[in-house]
């Protein structure tokens, strides 16, 4: 039995270990990992173009990118309490 996430009652719960991920030897890792790396390391999750990656912008980028990479077979879900504020997790430096 998978334990519930009590702090997420009434909301969509975060993805848990029983969901399958789309792995690819061509990518060298899973779609989720590839999307995270592209989003942060390559700065693609800076959706506003302001030089910062926030938790919300990374979530949006990863969800869209994973769905594209897996042809909608994988749909990541970020679960967090509604009252948690959005905040910057990375600064993008232009080369």
PDB file of N, CA and C in Angstrom:
ATOM      1  N   UNK A   1       0.839  -1.187   0.000  1.00  0.00           N
ATOM      2  CA  UNK A   1       0.000   0.000   0.000  1.00  0.00           C
ATOM      3  C   UNK A   1       0.881   1.246   0.000  1.00  0.00           C
ATOM      4  N   UNK A   2       0.552   2.184  -0.840  1.00  0.00           N
ATOM      5  CA  UNK A   2       1.296   3.438  -0.953  1.00  0.00           C
ATOM      6  C   UNK A   2       0.748   4.418   0.072  1.00  0.00           C
ATOM      7  N   UNK A   3       1.607   5.042   0.882  1.00  0.00           N
ATOM      8  CA  UNK A   3       1.112   5.987   1.877  1.00  0.00           C
ATOM      9  C   UNK A   3       0.542   7.238   1.222  1.00  0.00           C
ATOM     10  N   UNK A   4      -0.455   7.812   1.857  1.00  0.00           N
ATOM     11  CA  UNK A   4      -1.069   9.048   1.355  1.00  0.00           C
ATOM     12  C   UNK A   4      -0.189  10.236   1.717  1.00  0.00           C
ATOM     13  N   UNK A   5      -0.419  11.328   1.047  1.00  0.00           N
ATOM     14  CA  UNK A   5       0.261  12.579   1.339  1.00  0.00           C
ATOM     15  C   UNK A   5      -0.757  13.475   2.030  1.00  0.00           C
ATOM     16  N   UNK A   6      -0.816  13.459   3.362  1.00  0.00           N
ATOM     17  CA  UNK A   6      -1.875  14.193   4.046  1.00  0.00           C
ATOM     18  C   UNK A   6      -1.875  15.693   3.814  1.00  0.00           C
ATOM     19  N   UNK A   7      -0.742  16.301   3.522  1.00  0.00           N
ATOM     20  CA  UNK A   7      -0.708  17.747   3.319  1.00  0.00           C
ATOM     21  C   UNK A   7      -1.262  18.150   1.953  1.00  0.00           C
ATOM     22  N   UNK A   8      -1.626  17.185   1.121  1.00  0.00           N
ATOM     23  CA  UNK A   8      -2.132  17.477  -0.215  1.00  0.00           C
ATOM     24  C   UNK A   8      -3.596  17.069  -0.359  1.00  0.00           C
ATOM     25  N   UNK A   9      -4.326  17.002   0.722  1.00  0.00           N
ATOM     26  CA  UNK A   9      -5.721  16.582   0.665  1.00  0.00           C
ATOM     27  C   UNK A   9      -6.518  17.519  -0.225  1.00  0.00           C
ATOM     28  N   UNK A  10      -7.321  16.924  -1.098  1.00  0.00           N
ATOM     29  CA  UNK A  10      -8.162  17.713  -1.978  1.00  0.00           C
ATOM     30  C   UNK A  10      -7.460  18.217  -3.226  1.00  0.00           C
ATOM     31  N   UNK A  11      -6.182  17.962  -3.355  1.00  0.00           N
ATOM     32  CA  UNK A  11      -5.422  18.388  -4.525  1.00  0.00           C
ATOM     33  C   UNK A  11      -4.869  17.144  -5.209  1.00  0.00           C
ATOM     34  N   UNK A  12      -4.401  17.305  -6.426  1.00  0.00           N
ATOM     35  CA  UNK A  12      -3.760  16.187  -7.102  1.00  0.00           C
ATOM     36  C   UNK A  12      -2.475  15.860  -6.356  1.00  0.00           C
ATOM     37  N   UNK A  13      -2.306  14.601  -6.010  1.00  0.00           N
ATOM     38  CA  UNK A  13      -1.137  14.199  -5.247  1.00  0.00           C
ATOM     39  C   UNK A  13       0.075  14.075  -6.158  1.00  0.00           C
ATOM     40  N   UNK A  14       1.270  14.254  -5.592  1.00  0.00           N
ATOM     41  CA  UNK A  14       2.484  14.137  -6.389  1.00  0.00           C
ATOM     42  C   UNK A  14       2.674  12.723  -6.924  1.00  0.00           C
ATOM     43  N   UNK A  15       3.420  12.641  -7.999  1.00  0.00           N
ATOM     44  CA  UNK A  15       3.736  11.344  -8.585  1.00  0.00           C
ATOM     45  C   UNK A  15       4.449  10.480  -7.555  1.00  0.00           C
ATOM     46  N   UNK A  16       4.127   9.190  -7.554  1.00  0.00           N
ATOM     47  CA  UNK A  16       4.741   8.282  -6.591  1.00  0.00           C
ATOM     48  C   UNK A  16       5.482   7.180  -7.318  1.00  0.00           C
ATOM     49  N   UNK A  17       6.171   6.372  -6.561  1.00  0.00           N
ATOM     50  CA  UNK A  17       7.082   5.395  -7.136  1.00  0.00           C
ATOM     51  C   UNK A  17       6.436   4.357  -8.026  1.00  0.00           C
ATOM     52  N   UNK A  18       5.137   4.162  -7.974  1.00  0.00           N
ATOM     53  CA  UNK A  18       4.519   3.126  -8.795  1.00  0.00           C
ATOM     54  C   UNK A  18       4.242   3.584 -10.224  1.00  0.00           C
ATOM     55  N   UNK A  19       4.469   4.826 -10.541  1.00  0.00           N
ATOM     56  CA  UNK A  19       4.305   5.302 -11.916  1.00  0.00           C
ATOM     57  C   UNK A  19       5.584   5.013 -12.693  1.00  0.00           C
ATOM     58  N   UNK A  20       5.424   4.570 -13.913  1.00  0.00           N
ATOM     59  CA  UNK A  20       6.581   4.241 -14.736  1.00  0.00           C
ATOM     60  C   UNK A  20       7.148   5.482 -15.394  1.00  0.00           C
ATOM     61  N   UNK A  21       8.462   5.489 -15.559  1.00  0.00           N
ATOM     62  CA  UNK A  21       9.097   6.602 -16.257  1.00  0.00           C
ATOM     63  C   UNK A  21       9.584   6.112 -17.607  1.00  0.00           C
ATOM     64  N   UNK A  22       9.684   7.035 -18.532  1.00  0.00           N
ATOM     65  CA  UNK A  22      10.127   6.694 -19.879  1.00  0.00           C
ATOM     66  C   UNK A  22      11.645   6.838 -19.959  1.00  0.00           C
ATOM     67  N   UNK A  23      12.335   5.723 -19.924  1.00  0.00           N
ATOM     68  CA  UNK A  23      13.793   5.719 -20.024  1.00  0.00           C
ATOM     69  C   UNK A  23      14.183   5.527 -21.486  1.00  0.00           C
ATOM     70  N   UNK A  24      15.327   6.063 -21.871  1.00  0.00           N
ATOM     71  CA  UNK A  24      15.784   5.927 -23.248  1.00  0.00           C
ATOM     72  C   UNK A  24      17.300   5.832 -23.279  1.00  0.00           C
ATOM     73  N   UNK A  25      17.811   4.798 -23.924  1.00  0.00           N
ATOM     74  CA  UNK A  25      19.260   4.681 -24.063  1.00  0.00           C
ATOM     75  C   UNK A  25      19.791   5.764 -24.997  1.00  0.00           C
ATOM     76  N   UNK A  26      18.947   6.264 -25.895  1.00  0.00           N
ATOM     77  CA  UNK A  26      19.364   7.336 -26.798  1.00  0.00           C
ATOM     78  C   UNK A  26      19.610   8.641 -26.042  1.00  0.00           C
ATOM     79  N   UNK A  27      18.788   8.910 -25.030  1.00  0.00           N
ATOM     80  CA  UNK A  27      18.939  10.116 -24.221  1.00  0.00           C
ATOM     81  C   UNK A  27      20.012   9.949 -23.152  1.00  0.00           C
ATOM     82  N   UNK A  28      20.259   8.711 -22.735  1.00  0.00           N
ATOM     83  CA  UNK A  28      21.222   8.469 -21.674  1.00  0.00           C
ATOM     84  C   UNK A  28      20.622   8.579 -20.288  1.00  0.00           C
ATOM     85  N   UNK A  29      19.345   8.891 -20.196  1.00  0.00           N
ATOM     86  CA  UNK A  29      18.628   8.963 -18.925  1.00  0.00           C
ATOM     87  C   UNK A  29      17.135   9.037 -19.214  1.00  0.00           C
ATOM     88  N   UNK A  30      16.348   9.235 -18.171  1.00  0.00           N
ATOM     89  CA  UNK A  30      14.909   9.339 -18.338  1.00  0.00           C
ATOM     90  C   UNK A  30      14.489  10.701 -18.841  1.00  0.00           C
ATOM     91  N   UNK A  31      13.252  10.769 -19.301  1.00  0.00           N
ATOM     92  CA  UNK A  31      12.704  12.025 -19.819  1.00  0.00           C
ATOM     93  C   UNK A  31      12.654  13.101 -18.732  1.00  0.00           C
ATOM     94  N   UNK A  32      12.304  12.710 -17.503  1.00  0.00           N
ATOM     95  CA  UNK A  32      12.232  13.675 -16.414  1.00  0.00           C
ATOM     96  C   UNK A  32      13.607  14.279 -16.138  1.00  0.00           C
ATOM     97  N   UNK A  33      14.630  13.430 -16.044  1.00  0.00           N
ATOM     98  CA  UNK A  33      15.992  13.917 -15.795  1.00  0.00           C
ATOM     99  C   UNK A  33      16.459  14.819 -16.919  1.00  0.00           C
ATOM    100  N   UNK A  34      16.192  14.426 -18.148  1.00  0.00           N
ATOM    101  CA  UNK A  34      16.586  15.242 -19.300  1.00  0.00           C
ATOM    102  C   UNK A  34      15.930  16.616 -19.234  1.00  0.00           C
ATOM    103  N   UNK A  35      14.648  16.651 -18.888  1.00  0.00           N
ATOM    104  CA  UNK A  35      13.933  17.919 -18.808  1.00  0.00           C
ATOM    105  C   UNK A  35      14.473  18.808 -17.688  1.00  0.00           C
ATOM    106  N   UNK A  36      14.781  18.216 -16.544  1.00  0.00           N
ATOM    107  CA  UNK A  36      15.345  18.989 -15.426  1.00  0.00           C
ATOM    108  C   UNK A  36      16.688  19.600 -15.832  1.00  0.00           C
ATOM    109  N   UNK A  37      17.545  18.785 -16.451  1.00  0.00           N
ATOM    110  CA  UNK A  37      18.872  19.268 -16.873  1.00  0.00           C
ATOM    111  C   UNK A  37      18.733  20.386 -17.904  1.00  0.00           C
ATOM    112  N   UNK A  38      17.895  20.182 -18.909  1.00  0.00           N
ATOM    113  CA  UNK A  38      17.684  21.228 -19.919  1.00  0.00           C
ATOM    114  C   UNK A  38      17.132  22.494 -19.279  1.00  0.00           C
ATOM    115  N   UNK A  39      16.187  22.322 -18.374  1.00  0.00           N
ATOM    116  CA  UNK A  39      15.542  23.464 -17.754  1.00  0.00           C
ATOM    117  C   UNK A  39      16.494  24.313 -16.932  1.00  0.00           C
ATOM    118  N   UNK A  40      17.329  23.648 -16.114  1.00  0.00           N
ATOM    119  CA  UNK A  40      18.220  24.397 -15.226  1.00  0.00           C
ATOM    120  C   UNK A  40      19.568  24.685 -15.883  1.00  0.00           C
ATOM    121  N   UNK A  41      20.260  23.643 -16.329  1.00  0.00           N
ATOM    122  CA  UNK A  41      21.616  23.831 -16.857  1.00  0.00           C
ATOM    123  C   UNK A  41      21.638  24.653 -18.137  1.00  0.00           C
ATOM    124  N   UNK A  42      20.669  24.440 -19.000  1.00  0.00           N
ATOM    125  CA  UNK A  42      20.619  25.194 -20.260  1.00  0.00           C
ATOM    126  C   UNK A  42      19.757  26.452 -20.160  1.00  0.00           C
ATOM    127  N   UNK A  43      19.111  26.648 -19.012  1.00  0.00           N
ATOM    128  CA  UNK A  43      18.315  27.859 -18.799  1.00  0.00           C
ATOM    129  C   UNK A  43      16.980  27.882 -19.508  1.00  0.00           C
ATOM    130  N   UNK A  44      16.531  26.763 -20.022  1.00  0.00           N
ATOM    131  CA  UNK A  44      15.286  26.741 -20.784  1.00  0.00           C
ATOM    132  C   UNK A  44      14.039  26.931 -19.921  1.00  0.00           C
ATOM    133  N   UNK A  45      14.174  26.771 -18.613  1.00  0.00           N
ATOM    134  CA  UNK A  45      13.030  26.961 -17.719  1.00  0.00           C
ATOM    135  C   UNK A  45      12.860  28.429 -17.307  1.00  0.00           C
ATOM    136  N   UNK A  46      13.680  29.309 -17.834  1.00  0.00           N
ATOM    137  CA  UNK A  46      13.513  30.747 -17.602  1.00  0.00           C
ATOM    138  C   UNK A  46      12.429  31.229 -18.564  1.00  0.00           C
ATOM    139  N   UNK A  47      11.199  30.896 -18.246  1.00  0.00           N
ATOM    140  CA  UNK A  47      10.089  31.140 -19.164  1.00  0.00           C
ATOM    141  C   UNK A  47       9.734  32.615 -19.319  1.00  0.00           C
ATOM    142  N   UNK A  48      10.058  33.419 -18.320  1.00  0.00           N
ATOM    143  CA  UNK A  48       9.777  34.856 -18.413  1.00  0.00           C
ATOM    144  C   UNK A  48      10.934  35.636 -19.026  1.00  0.00           C
ATOM    145  N   UNK A  49      12.076  34.984 -19.191  1.00  0.00           N
ATOM    146  CA  UNK A  49      13.237  35.657 -19.769  1.00  0.00           C
ATOM    147  C   UNK A  49      13.838  36.709 -18.854  1.00  0.00           C
ATOM    148  N   UNK A  50      13.601  36.566 -17.550  1.00  0.00           N
ATOM    149  CA  UNK A  50      14.108  37.557 -16.598  1.00  0.00           C
ATOM    150  C   UNK A  50      15.404  37.139 -15.914  1.00  0.00           C
ATOM    151  N   UNK A  51      15.953  36.002 -16.340  1.00  0.00           N
ATOM    152  CA  UNK A  51      17.217  35.543 -15.773  1.00  0.00           C
ATOM    153  C   UNK A  51      17.081  34.654 -14.553  1.00  0.00           C
ATOM    154  N   UNK A  52      15.857  34.309 -14.179  1.00  0.00           N
ATOM    155  CA  UNK A  52      15.637  33.455 -13.012  1.00  0.00           C
ATOM    156  C   UNK A  52      14.736  32.277 -13.356  1.00  0.00           C
ATOM    157  N   UNK A  53      15.029  31.155 -12.733  1.00  0.00           N
ATOM    158  CA  UNK A  53      14.178  29.973 -12.836  1.00  0.00           C
ATOM    159  C   UNK A  53      13.514  29.809 -11.476  1.00  0.00           C
ATOM    160  N   UNK A  54      12.202  29.804 -11.471  1.00  0.00           N
ATOM    161  CA  UNK A  54      11.454  29.637 -10.229  1.00  0.00           C
ATOM    162  C   UNK A  54      10.900  28.216 -10.152  1.00  0.00           C
ATOM    163  N   UNK A  55      10.384  27.868  -8.986  1.00  0.00           N
ATOM    164  CA  UNK A  55       9.789  26.538  -8.852  1.00  0.00           C
ATOM    165  C   UNK A  55       8.629  26.358  -9.830  1.00  0.00           C
ATOM    166  N   UNK A  56       7.839  27.385 -10.010  1.00  0.00           N
ATOM    167  CA  UNK A  56       6.699  27.289 -10.938  1.00  0.00           C
ATOM    168  C   UNK A  56       7.138  27.214 -12.394  1.00  0.00           C
ATOM    169  N   UNK A  57       8.136  27.999 -12.771  1.00  0.00           N
ATOM    170  CA  UNK A  57       8.580  27.958 -14.169  1.00  0.00           C
ATOM    171  C   UNK A  57       9.260  26.622 -14.486  1.00  0.00           C
ATOM    172  N   UNK A  58      10.001  26.080 -13.528  1.00  0.00           N
ATOM    173  CA  UNK A  58      10.614  24.769 -13.749  1.00  0.00           C
ATOM    174  C   UNK A  58       9.537  23.706 -13.861  1.00  0.00           C
ATOM    175  N   UNK A  59       8.537  23.769 -13.005  1.00  0.00           N
ATOM    176  CA  UNK A  59       7.425  22.823 -13.060  1.00  0.00           C
ATOM    177  C   UNK A  59       6.745  22.867 -14.429  1.00  0.00           C
ATOM    178  N   UNK A  60       6.438  24.063 -14.904  1.00  0.00           N
ATOM    179  CA  UNK A  60       5.778  24.219 -16.202  1.00  0.00           C
ATOM    180  C   UNK A  60       6.649  23.687 -17.335  1.00  0.00           C
ATOM    181  N   UNK A  61       7.933  24.051 -17.331  1.00  0.00           N
ATOM    182  CA  UNK A  61       8.828  23.595 -18.381  1.00  0.00           C
ATOM    183  C   UNK A  61       8.956  22.070 -18.369  1.00  0.00           C
ATOM    184  N   UNK A  62       9.178  21.490 -17.189  1.00  0.00           N
ATOM    185  CA  UNK A  62       9.377  20.041 -17.090  1.00  0.00           C
ATOM    186  C   UNK A  62       8.127  19.296 -17.541  1.00  0.00           C
ATOM    187  N   UNK A  63       6.965  19.755 -17.114  1.00  0.00           N
ATOM    188  CA  UNK A  63       5.734  19.084 -17.529  1.00  0.00           C
ATOM    189  C   UNK A  63       5.595  19.079 -19.049  1.00  0.00           C
ATOM    190  N   UNK A  64       5.783  20.232 -19.672  1.00  0.00           N
ATOM    191  CA  UNK A  64       5.653  20.326 -21.139  1.00  0.00           C
ATOM    192  C   UNK A  64       6.722  19.509 -21.857  1.00  0.00           C
ATOM    193  N   UNK A  65       7.957  19.590 -21.373  1.00  0.00           N
ATOM    194  CA  UNK A  65       9.073  18.907 -22.043  1.00  0.00           C
ATOM    195  C   UNK A  65       8.948  17.393 -21.918  1.00  0.00           C
ATOM    196  N   UNK A  66       8.592  16.901 -20.744  1.00  0.00           N
ATOM    197  CA  UNK A  66       8.443  15.454 -20.558  1.00  0.00           C
ATOM    198  C   UNK A  66       7.312  14.923 -21.425  1.00  0.00           C
ATOM    199  N   UNK A  67       6.221  15.646 -21.468  1.00  0.00           N
ATOM    200  CA  UNK A  67       5.117  15.203 -22.323  1.00  0.00           C
ATOM    201  C   UNK A  67       5.539  15.162 -23.794  1.00  0.00           C
ATOM    202  N   UNK A  68       6.330  16.136 -24.228  1.00  0.00           N
ATOM    203  CA  UNK A  68       6.809  16.154 -25.616  1.00  0.00           C
ATOM    204  C   UNK A  68       7.777  15.002 -25.869  1.00  0.00           C
ATOM    205  N   UNK A  69       8.704  14.792 -24.944  1.00  0.00           N
ATOM    206  CA  UNK A  69       9.702  13.717 -25.111  1.00  0.00           C
ATOM    207  C   UNK A  69       9.070  12.334 -25.132  1.00  0.00           C
ATOM    208  N   UNK A  70       7.983  12.161 -24.395  1.00  0.00           N
ATOM    209  CA  UNK A  70       7.366  10.835 -24.267  1.00  0.00           C
ATOM    210  C   UNK A  70       6.080  10.698 -25.074  1.00  0.00           C
ATOM    211  N   UNK A  71       5.797  11.673 -25.907  1.00  0.00           N
ATOM    212  CA  UNK A  71       4.569  11.674 -26.707  1.00  0.00           C
ATOM    213  C   UNK A  71       3.343  11.469 -25.818  1.00  0.00           C
ATOM    214  N   UNK A  72       3.298  12.224 -24.732  1.00  0.00           N
ATOM    215  CA  UNK A  72       2.199  12.228 -23.756  1.00  0.00           C
ATOM    216  C   UNK A  72       2.014  10.922 -22.983  1.00  0.00           C
ATOM    217  N   UNK A  73       3.021  10.062 -22.982  1.00  0.00           N
ATOM    218  CA  UNK A  73       2.930   8.826 -22.199  1.00  0.00           C
ATOM    219  C   UNK A  73       3.312   9.048 -20.738  1.00  0.00           C
ATOM    220  N   UNK A  74       3.997  10.137 -20.460  1.00  0.00           N
ATOM    221  CA  UNK A  74       4.406  10.448 -19.088  1.00  0.00           C
ATOM    222  C   UNK A  74       4.002  11.879 -18.783  1.00  0.00           C
ATOM    223  N   UNK A  75       3.385  12.074 -17.630  1.00  0.00           N
ATOM    224  CA  UNK A  75       2.901  13.390 -17.249  1.00  0.00           C
ATOM    225  C   UNK A  75       3.323  13.679 -15.809  1.00  0.00           C
ATOM    226  N   UNK A  76       4.449  14.362 -15.613  1.00  0.00           N
ATOM    227  CA  UNK A  76       4.898  14.634 -14.247  1.00  0.00           C
ATOM    228  C   UNK A  76       3.975  15.624 -13.542  1.00  0.00           C
ATOM    229  N   UNK A  77       3.831  15.434 -12.248  1.00  0.00           N
ATOM    230  CA  UNK A  77       2.983  16.292 -11.439  1.00  0.00           C
ATOM    231  C   UNK A  77       3.798  16.781 -10.256  1.00  0.00           C
ATOM    232  N   UNK A  78       3.821  18.097 -10.065  1.00  0.00           N
ATOM    233  CA  UNK A  78       4.507  18.633  -8.903  1.00  0.00           C
ATOM    234  C   UNK A  78       3.461  18.922  -7.845  1.00  0.00           C
ATOM    235  N   UNK A  79       3.644  18.330  -6.693  1.00  0.00           N
ATOM    236  CA  UNK A  79       2.718  18.571  -5.603  1.00  0.00           C
ATOM    237  C   UNK A  79       3.360  19.452  -4.554  1.00  0.00           C
ATOM    238  N   UNK A  80       2.669  20.494  -4.204  1.00  0.00           N
ATOM    239  CA  UNK A  80       3.128  21.341  -3.114  1.00  0.00           C
ATOM    240  C   UNK A  80       1.915  22.037  -2.523  1.00  0.00           C
ATOM    241  N   UNK A  81       1.991  22.392  -1.268  1.00  0.00           N
ATOM    242  CA  UNK A  81       0.856  23.064  -0.638  1.00  0.00           C
ATOM    243  C   UNK A  81       0.514  24.369  -1.353  1.00  0.00           C
ATOM    244  N   UNK A  82      -0.747  24.703  -1.381  1.00  0.00           N
ATOM    245  CA  UNK A  82      -1.205  25.922  -2.064  1.00  0.00           C
ATOM    246  C   UNK A  82      -0.600  27.189  -1.491  1.00  0.00           C
ATOM    247  N   UNK A  83      -0.291  27.170  -0.199  1.00  0.00           N
ATOM    248  CA  UNK A  83       0.218  28.386   0.433  1.00  0.00           C
ATOM    249  C   UNK A  83       1.735  28.540   0.329  1.00  0.00           C
ATOM    250  N   UNK A  84       2.402  27.616  -0.339  1.00  0.00           N
ATOM    251  CA  UNK A  84       3.849  27.745  -0.507  1.00  0.00           C
ATOM    252  C   UNK A  84       4.132  28.747  -1.624  1.00  0.00           C
ATOM    253  N   UNK A  85       4.910  29.782  -1.347  1.00  0.00           N
ATOM    254  CA  UNK A  85       5.177  30.800  -2.375  1.00  0.00           C
ATOM    255  C   UNK A  85       6.130  30.293  -3.457  1.00  0.00           C
ATOM    256  N   UNK A  86       6.031  30.897  -4.616  1.00  0.00           N
ATOM    257  CA  UNK A  86       6.966  30.624  -5.700  1.00  0.00           C
ATOM    258  C   UNK A  86       8.280  31.322  -5.361  1.00  0.00           C
ATOM    259  N   UNK A  87       9.396  30.699  -5.664  1.00  0.00           N
ATOM    260  CA  UNK A  87      10.686  31.335  -5.381  1.00  0.00           C
ATOM    261  C   UNK A  87      11.723  30.898  -6.400  1.00  0.00           C
ATOM    262  N   UNK A  88      12.749  31.724  -6.582  1.00  0.00           N
ATOM    263  CA  UNK A  88      13.826  31.440  -7.527  1.00  0.00           C
ATOM    264  C   UNK A  88      14.700  30.320  -6.995  1.00  0.00           C
ATOM    265  N   UNK A  89      15.052  29.383  -7.877  1.00  0.00           N
ATOM    266  CA  UNK A  89      15.947  28.293  -7.496  1.00  0.00           C
ATOM    267  C   UNK A  89      17.250  28.332  -8.296  1.00  0.00           C
ATOM    268  N   UNK A  90      17.279  29.135  -9.349  1.00  0.00           N
ATOM    269  CA  UNK A  90      18.489  29.241 -10.156  1.00  0.00           C
ATOM    270  C   UNK A  90      18.485  30.573 -10.897  1.00  0.00           C
ATOM    271  N   UNK A  91      19.678  31.061 -11.157  1.00  0.00           N
ATOM    272  CA  UNK A  91      19.846  32.274 -11.959  1.00  0.00           C
ATOM    273  C   UNK A  91      20.513  31.862 -13.261  1.00  0.00           C
ATOM    274  N   UNK A  92      19.973  32.364 -14.354  1.00  0.00           N
ATOM    275  CA  UNK A  92      20.485  32.029 -15.687  1.00  0.00           C
ATOM    276  C   UNK A  92      21.516  33.060 -16.084  1.00  0.00           C
ATOM    277  N   UNK A  93      22.679  32.590 -16.484  1.00  0.00           N
ATOM    278  CA  UNK A  93      23.711  33.493 -16.978  1.00  0.00           C
ATOM    279  C   UNK A  93      23.798  33.358 -18.486  1.00  0.00           C
ATOM    280  N   UNK A  94      23.757  34.468 -19.145  1.00  0.00           N
ATOM    281  CA  UNK A  94      23.834  34.487 -20.609  1.00  0.00           C
ATOM    282  C   UNK A  94      25.289  34.409 -21.023  1.00  0.00           C
ATOM    283  N   UNK A  95      25.539  33.568 -22.011  1.00  0.00           N
ATOM    284  CA  UNK A  95      26.920  33.404 -22.504  1.00  0.00           C
ATOM    285  C   UNK A  95      27.139  34.203 -23.753  1.00  0.00           C
TER     286      UNK A  95
END
